[in-house]
Amino acid sequence: SVAEPGVRIRQKSGLNRAILDKGWHSFELAVRNCARRTGAT
């Protein structure tokens, strides 16, 4: 906030971008595909 500004904002925004860029849906599909082949749930 204005009274208490954040620290390392640029680094945090880069980390946020990297986390959100990973494509978690594709990861879930890959895990489900491997599980289907091995019979796991």
PDB file of all heavy atoms in Angstrom:
ATOM      1  N   SER A   1       0.844  -1.189   0.000  1.00  0.00           N
ATOM      2  CA  SER A   1       0.000   0.000   0.000  1.00  0.00           C
ATOM      3  C   SER A   1       0.882   1.243   0.000  1.00  0.00           C
ATOM      4  O   SER A   1       2.109   1.153   0.047  1.00  0.00           O
ATOM      5  CB  SER A   1      -0.905   0.003   1.235  1.00  0.00           C
ATOM      6  OG  SER A   1      -0.123   0.079   2.401  1.00  0.00           O
ATOM      7  N   VAL A   2       0.250   2.399  -0.012  1.00  0.00           N
ATOM      8  CA  VAL A   2       1.002   3.657   0.012  1.00  0.00           C
ATOM      9  C   VAL A   2       1.745   3.783   1.341  1.00  0.00           C
ATOM     10  O   VAL A   2       2.905   4.185   1.384  1.00  0.00           O
ATOM     11  CB  VAL A   2       0.057   4.861  -0.205  1.00  0.00           C
ATOM     12  CG1 VAL A   2       0.805   6.161  -0.070  1.00  0.00           C
ATOM     13  CG2 VAL A   2      -0.597   4.761  -1.569  1.00  0.00           C
ATOM     14  N   ALA A   3       1.081   3.405   2.439  1.00  0.00           N
ATOM     15  CA  ALA A   3       1.696   3.502   3.762  1.00  0.00           C
ATOM     16  C   ALA A   3       2.825   2.484   3.930  1.00  0.00           C
ATOM     17  O   ALA A   3       3.859   2.788   4.518  1.00  0.00           O
ATOM     18  CB  ALA A   3       0.648   3.300   4.849  1.00  0.00           C
ATOM     19  N   GLU A   4       2.631   1.271   3.427  1.00  0.00           N
ATOM     20  CA  GLU A   4       3.633   0.212   3.536  1.00  0.00           C
ATOM     21  C   GLU A   4       3.881  -0.392   2.157  1.00  0.00           C
ATOM     22  O   GLU A   4       3.276  -1.399   1.790  1.00  0.00           O
ATOM     23  CB  GLU A   4       3.155  -0.877   4.495  1.00  0.00           C
ATOM     24  CG  GLU A   4       3.037  -0.422   5.925  1.00  0.00           C
ATOM     25  CD  GLU A   4       2.579  -1.547   6.832  1.00  0.00           C
ATOM     26  OE1 GLU A   4       2.750  -2.734   6.457  1.00  0.00           O
ATOM     27  OE2 GLU A   4       2.039  -1.242   7.897  1.00  0.00           O
ATOM     28  N   PRO A   5       4.770   0.214   1.369  1.00  0.00           N
ATOM     29  CA  PRO A   5       5.017  -0.308   0.024  1.00  0.00           C
ATOM     30  C   PRO A   5       5.701  -1.674   0.073  1.00  0.00           C
ATOM     31  O   PRO A   5       6.408  -2.000   1.021  1.00  0.00           O
ATOM     32  CB  PRO A   5       5.930   0.736  -0.606  1.00  0.00           C
ATOM     33  CG  PRO A   5       6.531   1.469   0.524  1.00  0.00           C
ATOM     34  CD  PRO A   5       5.562   1.390   1.660  1.00  0.00           C
ATOM     35  N   GLY A   6       5.463  -2.478  -0.960  1.00  0.00           N
ATOM     36  CA  GLY A   6       6.039  -3.812  -1.028  1.00  0.00           C
ATOM     37  C   GLY A   6       7.517  -3.777  -1.349  1.00  0.00           C
ATOM     38  O   GLY A   6       8.070  -2.754  -1.754  1.00  0.00           O
ATOM     39  N   VAL A   7       8.188  -4.905  -1.152  1.00  0.00           N
ATOM     40  CA  VAL A   7       9.609  -5.020  -1.465  1.00  0.00           C
ATOM     41  C   VAL A   7       9.784  -6.091  -2.528  1.00  0.00           C
ATOM     42  O   VAL A   7       8.995  -7.028  -2.634  1.00  0.00           O
ATOM     43  CB  VAL A   7      10.438  -5.383  -0.213  1.00  0.00           C
ATOM     44  CG1 VAL A   7      10.402  -4.257   0.799  1.00  0.00           C
ATOM     45  CG2 VAL A   7       9.951  -6.660   0.428  1.00  0.00           C
ATOM     46  N   ARG A   8      10.801  -5.935  -3.341  1.00  0.00           N
ATOM     47  CA  ARG A   8      11.128  -6.882  -4.420  1.00  0.00           C
ATOM     48  C   ARG A   8       9.936  -7.139  -5.339  1.00  0.00           C
ATOM     49  O   ARG A   8       9.627  -8.282  -5.693  1.00  0.00           O
ATOM     50  CB  ARG A   8      11.643  -8.184  -3.834  1.00  0.00           C
ATOM     51  CG  ARG A   8      12.937  -8.003  -3.076  1.00  0.00           C
ATOM     52  CD  ARG A   8      13.569  -9.349  -2.775  1.00  0.00           C
ATOM     53  NE  ARG A   8      14.833  -9.144  -2.121  1.00  0.00           N
ATOM     54  CZ  ARG A   8      15.101  -9.516  -0.872  1.00  0.00           C
ATOM     55  NH1 ARG A   8      14.178 -10.109  -0.163  1.00  0.00           N
ATOM     56  NH2 ARG A   8      16.274  -9.315  -0.352  1.00  0.00           N
ATOM     57  N   ILE A   9       9.271  -6.071  -5.738  1.00  0.00           N
ATOM     58  CA  ILE A   9       8.074  -6.183  -6.567  1.00  0.00           C
ATOM     59  C   ILE A   9       8.415  -6.740  -7.949  1.00  0.00           C
ATOM     60  O   ILE A   9       7.699  -7.579  -8.484  1.00  0.00           O
ATOM     61  CB  ILE A   9       7.371  -4.815  -6.684  1.00  0.00           C
ATOM     62  CG1 ILE A   9       6.903  -4.388  -5.304  1.00  0.00           C
ATOM     63  CG2 ILE A   9       6.200  -4.870  -7.638  1.00  0.00           C
ATOM     64  CD1 ILE A   9       6.438  -2.962  -5.226  1.00  0.00           C
ATOM     65  N   ARG A  10       9.515  -6.299  -8.521  1.00  0.00           N
ATOM     66  CA  ARG A  10       9.901  -6.756  -9.854  1.00  0.00           C
ATOM     67  C   ARG A  10      10.189  -8.267  -9.863  1.00  0.00           C
ATOM     68  O   ARG A  10       9.774  -8.990 -10.762  1.00  0.00           O
ATOM     69  CB  ARG A  10      11.127  -5.988 -10.333  1.00  0.00           C
ATOM     70  CG  ARG A  10      11.495  -6.272 -11.764  1.00  0.00           C
ATOM     71  CD  ARG A  10      12.561  -5.318 -12.188  1.00  0.00           C
ATOM     72  NE  ARG A  10      11.969  -3.994 -12.331  1.00  0.00           N
ATOM     73  CZ  ARG A  10      11.920  -3.344 -13.481  1.00  0.00           C
ATOM     74  NH1 ARG A  10      12.438  -3.865 -14.544  1.00  0.00           N
ATOM     75  NH2 ARG A  10      11.365  -2.165 -13.565  1.00  0.00           N
ATOM     76  N   GLN A  11      10.890  -8.760  -8.830  1.00  0.00           N
ATOM     77  CA  GLN A  11      11.181 -10.187  -8.750  1.00  0.00           C
ATOM     78  C   GLN A  11       9.896 -10.989  -8.578  1.00  0.00           C
ATOM     79  O   GLN A  11       9.716 -12.047  -9.174  1.00  0.00           O
ATOM     80  CB  GLN A  11      12.127 -10.488  -7.578  1.00  0.00           C
ATOM     81  CG  GLN A  11      13.530  -9.981  -7.776  1.00  0.00           C
ATOM     82  CD  GLN A  11      13.713  -8.573  -7.221  1.00  0.00           C
ATOM     83  OE1 GLN A  11      12.761  -7.838  -7.046  1.00  0.00           O
ATOM     84  NE2 GLN A  11      14.951  -8.202  -6.959  1.00  0.00           N
ATOM     85  N   LYS A  12       8.987 -10.482  -7.742  1.00  0.00           N
ATOM     86  CA  LYS A  12       7.728 -11.183  -7.493  1.00  0.00           C
ATOM     87  C   LYS A  12       6.890 -11.237  -8.769  1.00  0.00           C
ATOM     88  O   LYS A  12       6.279 -12.262  -9.060  1.00  0.00           O
ATOM     89  CB  LYS A  12       6.960 -10.483  -6.371  1.00  0.00           C
ATOM     90  CG  LYS A  12       5.599 -11.051  -6.067  1.00  0.00           C
ATOM     91  CD  LYS A  12       5.642 -12.438  -5.494  1.00  0.00           C
ATOM     92  CE  LYS A  12       4.238 -12.843  -5.094  1.00  0.00           C
ATOM     93  NZ  LYS A  12       4.094 -14.255  -4.940  1.00  0.00           N
ATOM     94  N   SER A  13       6.868 -10.167  -9.539  1.00  0.00           N
ATOM     95  CA  SER A  13       6.079 -10.182 -10.774  1.00  0.00           C
ATOM     96  C   SER A  13       6.667 -11.171 -11.775  1.00  0.00           C
ATOM     97  O   SER A  13       5.941 -11.849 -12.497  1.00  0.00           O
ATOM     98  CB  SER A  13       5.985  -8.786 -11.379  1.00  0.00           C
ATOM     99  OG  SER A  13       7.241  -8.361 -11.848  1.00  0.00           O
ATOM    100  N   GLY A  14       8.003 -11.295 -11.806  1.00  0.00           N
ATOM    101  CA  GLY A  14       8.627 -12.285 -12.681  1.00  0.00           C
ATOM    102  C   GLY A  14       8.294 -13.705 -12.255  1.00  0.00           C
ATOM    103  O   GLY A  14       8.030 -14.580 -13.081  1.00  0.00           O
ATOM    104  N   LEU A  15       8.291 -13.948 -10.947  1.00  0.00           N
ATOM    105  CA  LEU A  15       7.927 -15.263 -10.423  1.00  0.00           C
ATOM    106  C   LEU A  15       6.470 -15.584 -10.748  1.00  0.00           C
ATOM    107  O   LEU A  15       6.147 -16.698 -11.170  1.00  0.00           O
ATOM    108  CB  LEU A  15       8.145 -15.301  -8.913  1.00  0.00           C
ATOM    109  CG  LEU A  15       7.720 -16.570  -8.200  1.00  0.00           C
ATOM    110  CD1 LEU A  15       8.558 -17.754  -8.656  1.00  0.00           C
ATOM    111  CD2 LEU A  15       7.821 -16.387  -6.697  1.00  0.00           C
ATOM    112  N   ASN A  16       5.581 -14.609 -10.568  1.00  0.00           N
ATOM    113  CA  ASN A  16       4.166 -14.804 -10.889  1.00  0.00           C
ATOM    114  C   ASN A  16       3.982 -15.169 -12.354  1.00  0.00           C
ATOM    115  O   ASN A  16       3.221 -16.074 -12.690  1.00  0.00           O
ATOM    116  CB  ASN A  16       3.359 -13.544 -10.576  1.00  0.00           C
ATOM    117  CG  ASN A  16       3.232 -13.291  -9.101  1.00  0.00           C
ATOM    118  OD1 ASN A  16       3.542 -14.142  -8.288  1.00  0.00           O
ATOM    119  ND2 ASN A  16       2.780 -12.105  -8.754  1.00  0.00           N
ATOM    120  N   ARG A  17       4.685 -14.473 -13.226  1.00  0.00           N
ATOM    121  CA  ARG A  17       4.587 -14.736 -14.655  1.00  0.00           C
ATOM    122  C   ARG A  17       5.054 -16.163 -14.969  1.00  0.00           C
ATOM    123  O   ARG A  17       4.436 -16.888 -15.734  1.00  0.00           O
ATOM    124  CB  ARG A  17       5.422 -13.711 -15.424  1.00  0.00           C
ATOM    125  CG  ARG A  17       4.922 -13.407 -16.776  1.00  0.00           C
ATOM    126  CD  ARG A  17       5.586 -12.230 -17.481  1.00  0.00           C
ATOM    127  NE  ARG A  17       6.840 -11.730 -16.978  1.00  0.00           N
ATOM    128  CZ  ARG A  17       6.974 -10.657 -16.191  1.00  0.00           C
ATOM    129  NH1 ARG A  17       5.904  -9.975 -15.815  1.00  0.00           N
ATOM    130  NH2 ARG A  17       8.147 -10.250 -15.785  1.00  0.00           N
ATOM    131  N   ALA A  18       6.144 -16.588 -14.333  1.00  0.00           N
ATOM    132  CA  ALA A  18       6.672 -17.939 -14.577  1.00  0.00           C
ATOM    133  C   ALA A  18       5.706 -19.008 -14.078  1.00  0.00           C
ATOM    134  O   ALA A  18       5.508 -20.035 -14.733  1.00  0.00           O
ATOM    135  CB  ALA A  18       8.025 -18.093 -13.887  1.00  0.00           C
ATOM    136  N   ILE A  19       5.091 -18.786 -12.918  1.00  0.00           N
ATOM    137  CA  ILE A  19       4.142 -19.760 -12.367  1.00  0.00           C
ATOM    138  C   ILE A  19       2.919 -19.888 -13.263  1.00  0.00           C
ATOM    139  O   ILE A  19       2.474 -20.995 -13.579  1.00  0.00           O
ATOM    140  CB  ILE A  19       3.722 -19.359 -10.937  1.00  0.00           C
ATOM    141  CG1 ILE A  19       4.887 -19.550  -9.971  1.00  0.00           C
ATOM    142  CG2 ILE A  19       2.516 -20.170 -10.466  1.00  0.00           C
ATOM    143  CD1 ILE A  19       4.644 -18.982  -8.593  1.00  0.00           C
ATOM    144  N   LEU A  20       2.378 -18.757 -13.688  1.00  0.00           N
ATOM    145  CA  LEU A  20       1.154 -18.774 -14.485  1.00  0.00           C
ATOM    146  C   LEU A  20       1.389 -19.231 -15.922  1.00  0.00           C
ATOM    147  O   LEU A  20       0.460 -19.633 -16.617  1.00  0.00           O
ATOM    148  CB  LEU A  20       0.505 -17.393 -14.468  1.00  0.00           C
ATOM    149  CG  LEU A  20      -0.001 -16.952 -13.090  1.00  0.00           C
ATOM    150  CD1 LEU A  20      -0.465 -15.496 -13.136  1.00  0.00           C
ATOM    151  CD2 LEU A  20      -1.103 -17.849 -12.600  1.00  0.00           C
ATOM    152  N   ASP A  21       2.651 -19.206 -16.370  1.00  0.00           N
ATOM    153  CA  ASP A  21       2.997 -19.598 -17.732  1.00  0.00           C
ATOM    154  C   ASP A  21       3.127 -21.105 -17.927  1.00  0.00           C
ATOM    155  O   ASP A  21       3.194 -21.573 -19.058  1.00  0.00           O
ATOM    156  CB  ASP A  21       4.334 -18.977 -18.119  1.00  0.00           C
ATOM    157  CG  ASP A  21       4.176 -17.862 -19.115  1.00  0.00           C
ATOM    158  OD1 ASP A  21       3.038 -17.584 -19.492  1.00  0.00           O
ATOM    159  OD2 ASP A  21       5.204 -17.281 -19.503  1.00  0.00           O
ATOM    160  N   LYS A  22       3.178 -21.865 -16.888  1.00  0.00           N
ATOM    161  CA  LYS A  22       3.551 -23.271 -16.982  1.00  0.00           C
ATOM    162  C   LYS A  22       2.537 -24.167 -17.677  1.00  0.00           C
ATOM    163  O   LYS A  22       2.894 -25.224 -18.147  1.00  0.00           O
ATOM    164  CB  LYS A  22       3.854 -23.851 -15.593  1.00  0.00           C
ATOM    165  CG  LYS A  22       5.104 -23.275 -14.996  1.00  0.00           C
ATOM    166  CD  LYS A  22       6.272 -23.508 -15.921  1.00  0.00           C
ATOM    167  CE  LYS A  22       7.497 -22.777 -15.458  1.00  0.00           C
ATOM    168  NZ  LYS A  22       8.429 -22.496 -16.493  1.00  0.00           N
ATOM    169  N   GLY A  23       1.304 -23.802 -17.753  1.00  0.00           N
ATOM    170  CA  GLY A  23       0.324 -24.628 -18.434  1.00  0.00           C
ATOM    171  C   GLY A  23      -0.061 -25.846 -17.622  1.00  0.00           C
ATOM    172  O   GLY A  23       0.258 -26.976 -17.977  1.00  0.00           O
ATOM    173  N   TRP A  24      -0.705 -25.627 -16.501  1.00  0.00           N
ATOM    174  CA  TRP A  24      -1.051 -26.710 -15.585  1.00  0.00           C
ATOM    175  C   TRP A  24      -2.047 -27.687 -16.198  1.00  0.00           C
ATOM    176  O   TRP A  24      -2.051 -28.868 -15.849  1.00  0.00           O
ATOM    177  CB  TRP A  24      -1.587 -26.144 -14.274  1.00  0.00           C
ATOM    178  CG  TRP A  24      -0.543 -25.338 -13.581  1.00  0.00           C
ATOM    179  CD1 TRP A  24      -0.504 -23.981 -13.454  1.00  0.00           C
ATOM    180  CD2 TRP A  24       0.649 -25.821 -12.949  1.00  0.00           C
ATOM    181  NE1 TRP A  24       0.626 -23.606 -12.783  1.00  0.00           N
ATOM    182  CE2 TRP A  24       1.361 -24.710 -12.459  1.00  0.00           C
ATOM    183  CE3 TRP A  24       1.180 -27.090 -12.761  1.00  0.00           C
ATOM    184  CZ2 TRP A  24       2.563 -24.832 -11.787  1.00  0.00           C
ATOM    185  CZ3 TRP A  24       2.389 -27.206 -12.088  1.00  0.00           C
ATOM    186  CH2 TRP A  24       3.058 -26.088 -11.608  1.00  0.00           C
ATOM    187  N   HIS A  25      -2.868 -27.234 -17.141  1.00  0.00           N
ATOM    188  CA  HIS A  25      -3.821 -28.131 -17.784  1.00  0.00           C
ATOM    189  C   HIS A  25      -3.078 -29.191 -18.597  1.00  0.00           C
ATOM    190  O   HIS A  25      -3.432 -30.377 -18.564  1.00  0.00           O
ATOM    191  CB  HIS A  25      -4.793 -27.355 -18.661  1.00  0.00           C
ATOM    192  CG  HIS A  25      -5.804 -28.222 -19.336  1.00  0.00           C
ATOM    193  ND1 HIS A  25      -6.807 -28.863 -18.652  1.00  0.00           N
ATOM    194  CD2 HIS A  25      -5.941 -28.586 -20.631  1.00  0.00           C
ATOM    195  CE1 HIS A  25      -7.521 -29.576 -19.490  1.00  0.00           C
ATOM    196  NE2 HIS A  25      -7.024 -29.421 -20.702  1.00  0.00           N
ATOM    197  N   SER A  26      -2.047 -28.787 -19.305  1.00  0.00           N
ATOM    198  CA  SER A  26      -1.254 -29.746 -20.091  1.00  0.00           C
ATOM    199  C   SER A  26      -0.572 -30.756 -19.180  1.00  0.00           C
ATOM    200  O   SER A  26      -0.479 -31.941 -19.505  1.00  0.00           O
ATOM    201  CB  SER A  26      -0.199 -29.013 -20.910  1.00  0.00           C
ATOM    202  OG  SER A  26      -0.814 -28.135 -21.814  1.00  0.00           O
ATOM    203  N   PHE A  27      -0.096 -30.292 -18.027  1.00  0.00           N
ATOM    204  CA  PHE A  27       0.525 -31.193 -17.057  1.00  0.00           C
ATOM    205  C   PHE A  27      -0.480 -32.224 -16.549  1.00  0.00           C
ATOM    206  O   PHE A  27      -0.178 -33.411 -16.457  1.00  0.00           O
ATOM    207  CB  PHE A  27       1.101 -30.382 -15.889  1.00  0.00           C
ATOM    208  CG  PHE A  27       1.694 -31.227 -14.804  1.00  0.00           C
ATOM    209  CD1 PHE A  27       2.872 -31.923 -15.022  1.00  0.00           C
ATOM    210  CD2 PHE A  27       1.082 -31.337 -13.577  1.00  0.00           C
ATOM    211  CE1 PHE A  27       3.425 -32.705 -14.029  1.00  0.00           C
ATOM    212  CE2 PHE A  27       1.614 -32.111 -12.578  1.00  0.00           C
ATOM    213  CZ  PHE A  27       2.798 -32.800 -12.801  1.00  0.00           C
ATOM    214  N   GLU A  28      -1.697 -31.761 -16.242  1.00  0.00           N
ATOM    215  CA  GLU A  28      -2.740 -32.686 -15.780  1.00  0.00           C
ATOM    216  C   GLU A  28      -3.073 -33.716 -16.851  1.00  0.00           C
ATOM    217  O   GLU A  28      -3.235 -34.905 -16.558  1.00  0.00           O
ATOM    218  CB  GLU A  28      -3.997 -31.922 -15.384  1.00  0.00           C
ATOM    219  CG  GLU A  28      -5.092 -32.834 -14.861  1.00  0.00           C
ATOM    220  CD  GLU A  28      -6.392 -32.116 -14.562  1.00  0.00           C
ATOM    221  OE1 GLU A  28      -6.440 -30.880 -14.634  1.00  0.00           O
ATOM    222  OE2 GLU A  28      -7.369 -32.818 -14.281  1.00  0.00           O
ATOM    223  N   LEU A  29      -3.160 -33.292 -18.106  1.00  0.00           N
ATOM    224  CA  LEU A  29      -3.433 -34.232 -19.196  1.00  0.00           C
ATOM    225  C   LEU A  29      -2.332 -35.276 -19.326  1.00  0.00           C
ATOM    226  O   LEU A  29      -2.607 -36.467 -19.544  1.00  0.00           O
ATOM    227  CB  LEU A  29      -3.602 -33.479 -20.515  1.00  0.00           C
ATOM    228  CG  LEU A  29      -4.867 -32.640 -20.659  1.00  0.00           C
ATOM    229  CD1 LEU A  29      -4.851 -31.892 -21.988  1.00  0.00           C
ATOM    230  CD2 LEU A  29      -6.102 -33.497 -20.542  1.00  0.00           C
ATOM    231  N   ALA A  30      -1.073 -34.855 -19.180  1.00  0.00           N
ATOM    232  CA  ALA A  30       0.041 -35.789 -19.271  1.00  0.00           C
ATOM    233  C   ALA A  30      -0.006 -36.806 -18.133  1.00  0.00           C
ATOM    234  O   ALA A  30       0.223 -38.004 -18.337  1.00  0.00           O
ATOM    235  CB  ALA A  30       1.365 -35.034 -19.261  1.00  0.00           C
ATOM    236  N   VAL A  31      -0.316 -36.345 -16.923  1.00  0.00           N
ATOM    237  CA  VAL A  31      -0.408 -37.249 -15.777  1.00  0.00           C
ATOM    238  C   VAL A  31      -1.554 -38.229 -15.972  1.00  0.00           C
ATOM    239  O   VAL A  31      -1.420 -39.435 -15.709  1.00  0.00           O
ATOM    240  CB  VAL A  31      -0.581 -36.446 -14.465  1.00  0.00           C
ATOM    241  CG1 VAL A  31      -0.970 -37.347 -13.313  1.00  0.00           C
ATOM    242  CG2 VAL A  31       0.692 -35.689 -14.146  1.00  0.00           C
ATOM    243  N   ARG A  32      -2.700 -37.738 -16.445  1.00  0.00           N
ATOM    244  CA  ARG A  32      -3.845 -38.631 -16.674  1.00  0.00           C
ATOM    245  C   ARG A  32      -3.534 -39.668 -17.755  1.00  0.00           C
ATOM    246  O   ARG A  32      -3.955 -40.818 -17.663  1.00  0.00           O
ATOM    247  CB  ARG A  32      -5.074 -37.823 -17.058  1.00  0.00           C
ATOM    248  CG  ARG A  32      -5.676 -37.088 -15.888  1.00  0.00           C
ATOM    249  CD  ARG A  32      -7.002 -36.450 -16.260  1.00  0.00           C
ATOM    250  NE  ARG A  32      -7.532 -35.718 -15.135  1.00  0.00           N
ATOM    251  CZ  ARG A  32      -8.204 -36.279 -14.123  1.00  0.00           C
ATOM    252  NH1 ARG A  32      -8.420 -37.570 -14.118  1.00  0.00           N
ATOM    253  NH2 ARG A  32      -8.650 -35.535 -13.134  1.00  0.00           N
ATOM    254  N   ASN A  33      -2.791 -39.277 -18.779  1.00  0.00           N
ATOM    255  CA  ASN A  33      -2.422 -40.201 -19.845  1.00  0.00           C
ATOM    256  C   ASN A  33      -1.503 -41.304 -19.312  1.00  0.00           C
ATOM    257  O   ASN A  33      -1.701 -42.481 -19.605  1.00  0.00           O
ATOM    258  CB  ASN A  33      -1.749 -39.451 -20.989  1.00  0.00           C
ATOM    259  CG  ASN A  33      -1.545 -40.324 -22.199  1.00  0.00           C
ATOM    260  OD1 ASN A  33      -2.346 -41.191 -22.493  1.00  0.00           O
ATOM    261  ND2 ASN A  33      -0.444 -40.093 -22.893  1.00  0.00           N
ATOM    262  N   CYS A  34      -0.510 -40.925 -18.508  1.00  0.00           N
ATOM    263  CA  CYS A  34       0.383 -41.926 -17.905  1.00  0.00           C
ATOM    264  C   CYS A  34      -0.388 -42.843 -16.964  1.00  0.00           C
ATOM    265  O   CYS A  34      -0.145 -44.049 -16.924  1.00  0.00           O
ATOM    266  CB  CYS A  34       1.520 -41.244 -17.149  1.00  0.00           C
ATOM    267  SG  CYS A  34       2.710 -40.452 -18.228  1.00  0.00           S
ATOM    268  N   ALA A  35      -1.314 -42.272 -16.196  1.00  0.00           N
ATOM    269  CA  ALA A  35      -2.104 -43.073 -15.260  1.00  0.00           C
ATOM    270  C   ALA A  35      -3.011 -44.047 -16.002  1.00  0.00           C
ATOM    271  O   ALA A  35      -3.210 -45.177 -15.553  1.00  0.00           O
ATOM    272  CB  ALA A  35      -2.931 -42.150 -14.367  1.00  0.00           C
ATOM    273  N   ARG A  36      -3.541 -43.620 -17.121  1.00  0.00           N
ATOM    274  CA  ARG A  36      -4.413 -44.497 -17.912  1.00  0.00           C
ATOM    275  C   ARG A  36      -3.641 -45.709 -18.406  1.00  0.00           C
ATOM    276  O   ARG A  36      -4.139 -46.830 -18.383  1.00  0.00           O
ATOM    277  CB  ARG A  36      -4.981 -43.703 -19.090  1.00  0.00           C
ATOM    278  CG  ARG A  36      -5.931 -44.488 -19.973  1.00  0.00           C
ATOM    279  CD  ARG A  36      -6.450 -43.663 -21.132  1.00  0.00           C
ATOM    280  NE  ARG A  36      -5.415 -42.994 -21.881  1.00  0.00           N
ATOM    281  CZ  ARG A  36      -4.691 -43.554 -22.855  1.00  0.00           C
ATOM    282  NH1 ARG A  36      -4.885 -44.803 -23.185  1.00  0.00           N
ATOM    283  NH2 ARG A  36      -3.774 -42.866 -23.490  1.00  0.00           N
ATOM    284  N   ARG A  37      -2.404 -45.491 -18.821  1.00  0.00           N
ATOM    285  CA  ARG A  37      -1.586 -46.596 -19.322  1.00  0.00           C
ATOM    286  C   ARG A  37      -1.192 -47.572 -18.222  1.00  0.00           C
ATOM    287  O   ARG A  37      -1.024 -48.761 -18.474  1.00  0.00           O
ATOM    288  CB  ARG A  37      -0.338 -46.061 -20.006  1.00  0.00           C
ATOM    289  CG  ARG A  37      -0.638 -45.590 -21.413  1.00  0.00           C
ATOM    290  CD  ARG A  37       0.620 -45.334 -22.183  1.00  0.00           C
ATOM    291  NE  ARG A  37       0.802 -43.886 -22.226  1.00  0.00           N
ATOM    292  CZ  ARG A  37       1.961 -43.282 -22.146  1.00  0.00           C
ATOM    293  NH1 ARG A  37       3.058 -43.963 -22.010  1.00  0.00           N
ATOM    294  NH2 ARG A  37       2.034 -41.983 -22.203  1.00  0.00           N
ATOM    295  N   THR A  38      -1.014 -47.085 -17.010  1.00  0.00           N
ATOM    296  CA  THR A  38      -0.576 -47.959 -15.915  1.00  0.00           C
ATOM    297  C   THR A  38      -1.728 -48.466 -15.060  1.00  0.00           C
ATOM    298  O   THR A  38      -1.512 -49.281 -14.170  1.00  0.00           O
ATOM    299  CB  THR A  38       0.413 -47.223 -14.998  1.00  0.00           C
ATOM    300  OG1 THR A  38      -0.231 -46.081 -14.438  1.00  0.00           O
ATOM    301  CG2 THR A  38       1.647 -46.807 -15.770  1.00  0.00           C
ATOM    302  N   GLY A  39      -2.946 -47.958 -15.293  1.00  0.00           N
ATOM    303  CA  GLY A  39      -4.097 -48.386 -14.516  1.00  0.00           C
ATOM    304  C   GLY A  39      -4.258 -47.655 -13.195  1.00  0.00           C
ATOM    305  O   GLY A  39      -5.036 -48.064 -12.347  1.00  0.00           O
ATOM    306  N   ALA A  40      -3.517 -46.573 -13.009  1.00  0.00           N
ATOM    307  CA  ALA A  40      -3.609 -45.787 -11.771  1.00  0.00           C
ATOM    308  C   ALA A  40      -4.810 -44.854 -11.834  1.00  0.00           C
ATOM    309  O   ALA A  40      -5.382 -44.606 -12.894  1.00  0.00           O
ATOM    310  CB  ALA A  40      -2.336 -44.974 -11.566  1.00  0.00           C
ATOM    311  N   THR A  41      -5.204 -44.324 -10.686  1.00  0.00           N
ATOM    312  CA  THR A  41      -6.328 -43.395 -10.595  1.00  0.00           C
ATOM    313  C   THR A  41      -5.801 -42.004 -10.265  1.00  0.00           C
ATOM    314  O   THR A  41      -4.955 -41.851  -9.387  1.00  0.00           O
ATOM    315  CB  THR A  41      -7.301 -43.833  -9.491  1.00  0.00           C
ATOM    316  OG1 THR A  41      -7.726 -45.159  -9.765  1.00  0.00           O
ATOM    317  CG2 THR A  41      -8.508 -42.924  -9.427  1.00  0.00           C
TER     318      THR A  41
END
